[in-house]
Amino acid sequence: MTFDPKSFDKQLAVAAEWLTKEFQQIRTGQASPAVLDPVKVESYGTPTALKEVASITIEGARTMRVSPWDKSLVKEIEKAITAANLGLSVVADQEGLRVNFPELTTDRRKEIVKNAKEKLEEARKQVRMARDRTVRELQDKEKDGDMGKDDAFRAKNEVQKTVDAANKKLDELFAKKEHDILD
């Protein structure tokens, strides 16, 4: 029996998707609606994602407009964004809320890069766990006689090459985000 790398590739793709999503939520001084994804608003007694109760648009390089569909939620949205501790300033006006991204200091940029590096390490950990599970499965197949030694050796090499490529992709994602943060 030969090794089928499709499920393994899927596991690695999940790690890359997760890292991409996490990086979108890290602010770089530029307005990005993805930064508000983790914000939950108390809407009629239920915590609801901000994007489900309001439209979010970019007004300028460092400004976003949050326009709630129900104007009675303006105060709740303002509280939720402030409580999320994203380092953003929020101002309510007649149309909804204006969210300002302050200019990042050098120290804050370094702190954000450190946070991004931690996210990178979490993604690498997911890749390592997937590799370890797959290698264990290959060893079990070899032990049970479902796979020959040569096939198992080739499959392990293929797994390692795939892991190396996945780690390279993760490093490229980090380098791009680091560049965005520090510029």
Protein backbone atom coordinates (compact mmCIF):
# COMPACT_ATOMS: atom_id res chain seq x y z
CA MET A 1 0.00 0.00 0.00
CA THR A 2 1.35 3.41 -0.92
CA PHE A 3 1.16 6.67 0.97
CA ASP A 4 -1.64 9.09 -0.02
CA PRO A 5 -0.44 12.63 0.78
CA LYS A 6 -3.81 14.38 0.18
CA SER A 7 -5.04 14.33 3.79
CA PHE A 8 -1.60 15.36 5.01
CA ASP A 9 -1.53 18.26 2.54
CA LYS A 10 -4.98 19.32 3.80
CA GLN A 11 -3.70 19.43 7.39
CA LEU A 12 -0.80 21.64 6.31
CA ALA A 13 -3.14 23.89 4.31
CA VAL A 14 -5.29 24.33 7.43
CA ALA A 15 -2.23 25.57 9.34
CA ALA A 16 -1.41 28.09 6.58
CA GLU A 17 -5.03 29.29 6.43
CA TRP A 18 -5.11 29.70 10.20
CA LEU A 19 -1.90 31.75 10.15
CA THR A 20 -3.19 33.94 7.32
CA LYS A 21 -6.39 34.62 9.25
CA GLU A 22 -4.45 35.42 12.43
CA PHE A 23 -2.16 37.78 10.53
CA GLN A 24 -5.18 39.60 9.08
CA GLN A 25 -6.31 40.38 12.62
CA ILE A 26 -2.97 41.91 13.58
CA ARG A 27 -3.09 45.60 12.86
CA THR A 28 -0.30 47.26 10.94
CA GLY A 29 -1.30 50.91 11.21
CA GLN A 30 -3.44 50.58 8.09
CA ALA A 31 -7.23 50.32 8.33
CA SER A 32 -8.38 46.74 7.89
CA PRO A 33 -11.87 45.38 8.65
CA ALA A 34 -10.34 42.00 9.60
CA VAL A 35 -8.96 43.62 12.77
CA LEU A 36 -12.55 43.85 14.06
CA ASP A 37 -13.36 40.17 13.39
CA PRO A 38 -12.89 39.06 17.02
CA VAL A 39 -15.19 41.83 18.34
CA LYS A 40 -18.47 40.55 19.78
CA VAL A 41 -21.35 42.98 20.38
CA GLU A 42 -24.10 42.42 22.94
CA SER A 43 -27.10 42.53 20.60
CA TYR A 44 -30.48 41.94 22.25
CA GLY A 45 -28.87 39.82 24.96
CA THR A 46 -26.76 37.70 22.60
CA PRO A 47 -23.04 38.13 21.83
CA THR A 48 -22.93 38.66 18.07
CA ALA A 49 -20.04 39.22 15.67
CA LEU A 50 -19.68 42.90 14.77
CA LYS A 51 -19.90 42.21 11.03
CA GLU A 52 -23.36 40.66 11.60
CA VAL A 53 -24.84 43.84 13.12
CA ALA A 54 -23.08 46.55 11.10
CA SER A 55 -21.35 47.28 7.84
CA ILE A 56 -17.65 48.09 8.04
CA THR A 57 -16.06 50.26 5.38
CA ILE A 58 -12.64 51.86 4.98
CA GLU A 59 -12.76 55.65 4.82
CA GLY A 60 -9.06 56.43 4.66
CA ALA A 61 -5.64 54.89 5.20
CA ARG A 62 -6.15 54.82 8.98
CA THR A 63 -9.92 55.24 9.37
CA MET A 64 -12.89 52.89 9.16
CA ARG A 65 -16.62 53.55 9.36
CA VAL A 66 -18.85 51.17 11.32
CA SER A 67 -22.49 51.71 10.38
CA PRO A 68 -24.87 49.64 12.52
CA TRP A 69 -28.09 48.51 10.88
CA ASP A 70 -29.86 49.23 14.17
CA LYS A 71 -28.80 52.68 15.43
CA SER A 72 -29.68 51.69 19.03
CA LEU A 73 -26.57 49.44 19.01
CA VAL A 74 -24.08 52.32 18.60
CA LYS A 75 -23.23 52.46 22.32
CA GLU A 76 -22.93 48.64 22.53
CA ILE A 77 -20.63 48.56 19.51
CA GLU A 78 -18.50 51.36 20.93
CA LYS A 79 -18.21 49.45 24.25
CA ALA A 80 -17.34 46.19 22.46
CA ILE A 81 -14.58 47.73 20.32
CA THR A 82 -13.10 49.51 23.35
CA ALA A 83 -13.32 46.34 25.48
CA ALA A 84 -11.55 44.31 22.76
CA ASN A 85 -8.41 46.32 23.61
CA LEU A 86 -7.22 46.57 20.01
CA GLY A 87 -5.50 49.91 20.52
CA LEU A 88 -8.04 51.72 18.34
CA SER A 89 -9.87 54.95 19.09
CA VAL A 90 -13.62 54.99 18.56
CA VAL A 91 -15.77 58.08 18.00
CA ALA A 92 -19.56 57.95 17.70
CA ASP A 93 -21.33 60.37 15.35
CA GLN A 94 -24.75 60.65 13.65
CA GLU A 95 -23.92 58.01 11.02
CA GLY A 96 -22.47 55.39 13.39
CA LEU A 97 -18.89 55.06 14.53
CA ARG A 98 -15.54 56.12 13.18
CA VAL A 99 -12.65 53.83 14.14
CA ASN A 100 -9.19 55.42 13.97
CA PHE A 101 -5.93 53.49 13.77
CA PRO A 102 -3.30 55.53 15.60
CA GLU A 103 0.22 55.80 14.22
CA LEU A 104 2.32 52.95 15.58
CA THR A 105 5.41 53.70 17.67
CA THR A 106 8.63 51.78 17.11
CA ASP A 107 8.20 49.91 20.40
CA ARG A 108 4.61 48.98 19.55
CA ARG A 109 5.70 47.75 16.11
CA LYS A 110 8.33 45.50 17.72
CA GLU A 111 5.71 44.18 20.12
CA ILE A 112 3.35 43.42 17.23
CA VAL A 113 6.14 41.62 15.33
CA LYS A 114 6.81 39.54 18.46
CA ASN A 115 3.10 38.64 18.60
CA ALA A 116 3.17 37.70 14.91
CA LYS A 117 6.23 35.51 15.53
CA GLU A 118 4.29 33.68 18.29
CA LYS A 119 1.46 33.03 15.80
CA LEU A 120 4.05 31.71 13.33
CA GLU A 121 5.37 29.33 15.97
CA GLU A 122 1.83 28.07 16.71
CA ALA A 123 1.35 27.34 12.99
CA ARG A 124 4.71 25.52 12.86
CA LYS A 125 3.60 23.48 15.85
CA GLN A 126 0.45 22.45 13.93
CA VAL A 127 2.66 21.38 11.01
CA ARG A 128 4.96 19.37 13.31
CA MET A 129 2.00 17.63 14.95
CA ALA A 130 0.58 16.70 11.53
CA ARG A 131 4.00 15.39 10.46
CA ASP A 132 4.38 13.34 13.65
CA ARG A 133 0.90 11.81 13.24
CA THR A 134 1.60 10.90 9.62
CA VAL A 135 5.03 9.41 10.38
CA ARG A 136 3.47 7.33 13.18
CA GLU A 137 0.81 6.08 10.77
CA LEU A 138 3.52 5.14 8.25
CA GLN A 139 5.49 3.29 10.94
CA ASP A 140 2.35 1.42 12.00
CA LYS A 141 1.65 0.43 8.38
CA GLU A 142 5.24 -0.77 8.06
CA LYS A 143 4.98 -2.78 11.30
CA ASP A 144 1.67 -4.34 10.26
CA GLY A 145 3.13 -5.37 6.91
CA ASP A 146 0.82 -3.07 4.90
CA MET A 147 3.84 -1.19 3.56
CA GLY A 148 7.38 -2.23 2.72
CA LYS A 149 10.48 -0.62 4.26
CA ASP A 150 11.41 1.09 1.00
CA ASP A 151 7.90 2.48 0.49
CA ALA A 152 7.81 3.71 4.09
CA PHE A 153 11.23 5.35 3.69
CA ARG A 154 10.15 7.09 0.47
CA ALA A 155 6.87 8.21 2.04
CA LYS A 156 8.69 9.64 5.09
CA ASN A 157 11.03 11.56 2.77
CA GLU A 158 8.02 12.85 0.84
CA VAL A 159 6.38 13.93 4.10
CA GLN A 160 9.53 15.79 5.15
CA LYS A 161 9.79 17.56 1.78
CA THR A 162 6.15 18.63 2.11
CA VAL A 163 6.77 19.85 5.67
CA ASP A 164 9.80 21.85 4.52
CA ALA A 165 7.73 23.47 1.75
CA ALA A 166 4.92 24.26 4.22
CA ASN A 167 7.37 25.81 6.69
CA LYS A 168 8.87 27.88 3.88
CA LYS A 169 5.38 29.14 2.99
CA LEU A 170 4.71 30.01 6.65
CA ASP A 171 8.03 31.87 6.83
CA GLU A 172 7.11 33.81 3.68
CA LEU A 173 3.75 34.78 5.23
CA PHE A 174 5.56 35.98 8.35
CA ALA A 175 8.18 37.91 6.36
CA LYS A 176 5.42 39.71 4.43
CA LYS A 177 3.55 40.57 7.63
CA GLU A 178 6.75 41.70 9.36
CA HIS A 179 7.49 43.95 6.40
CA ASP A 180 3.94 45.41 6.58
CA ILE A 181 4.29 46.07 10.30
CA LEU A 182 7.74 47.63 10.25
CA ASP A 183 7.14 49.87 7.20
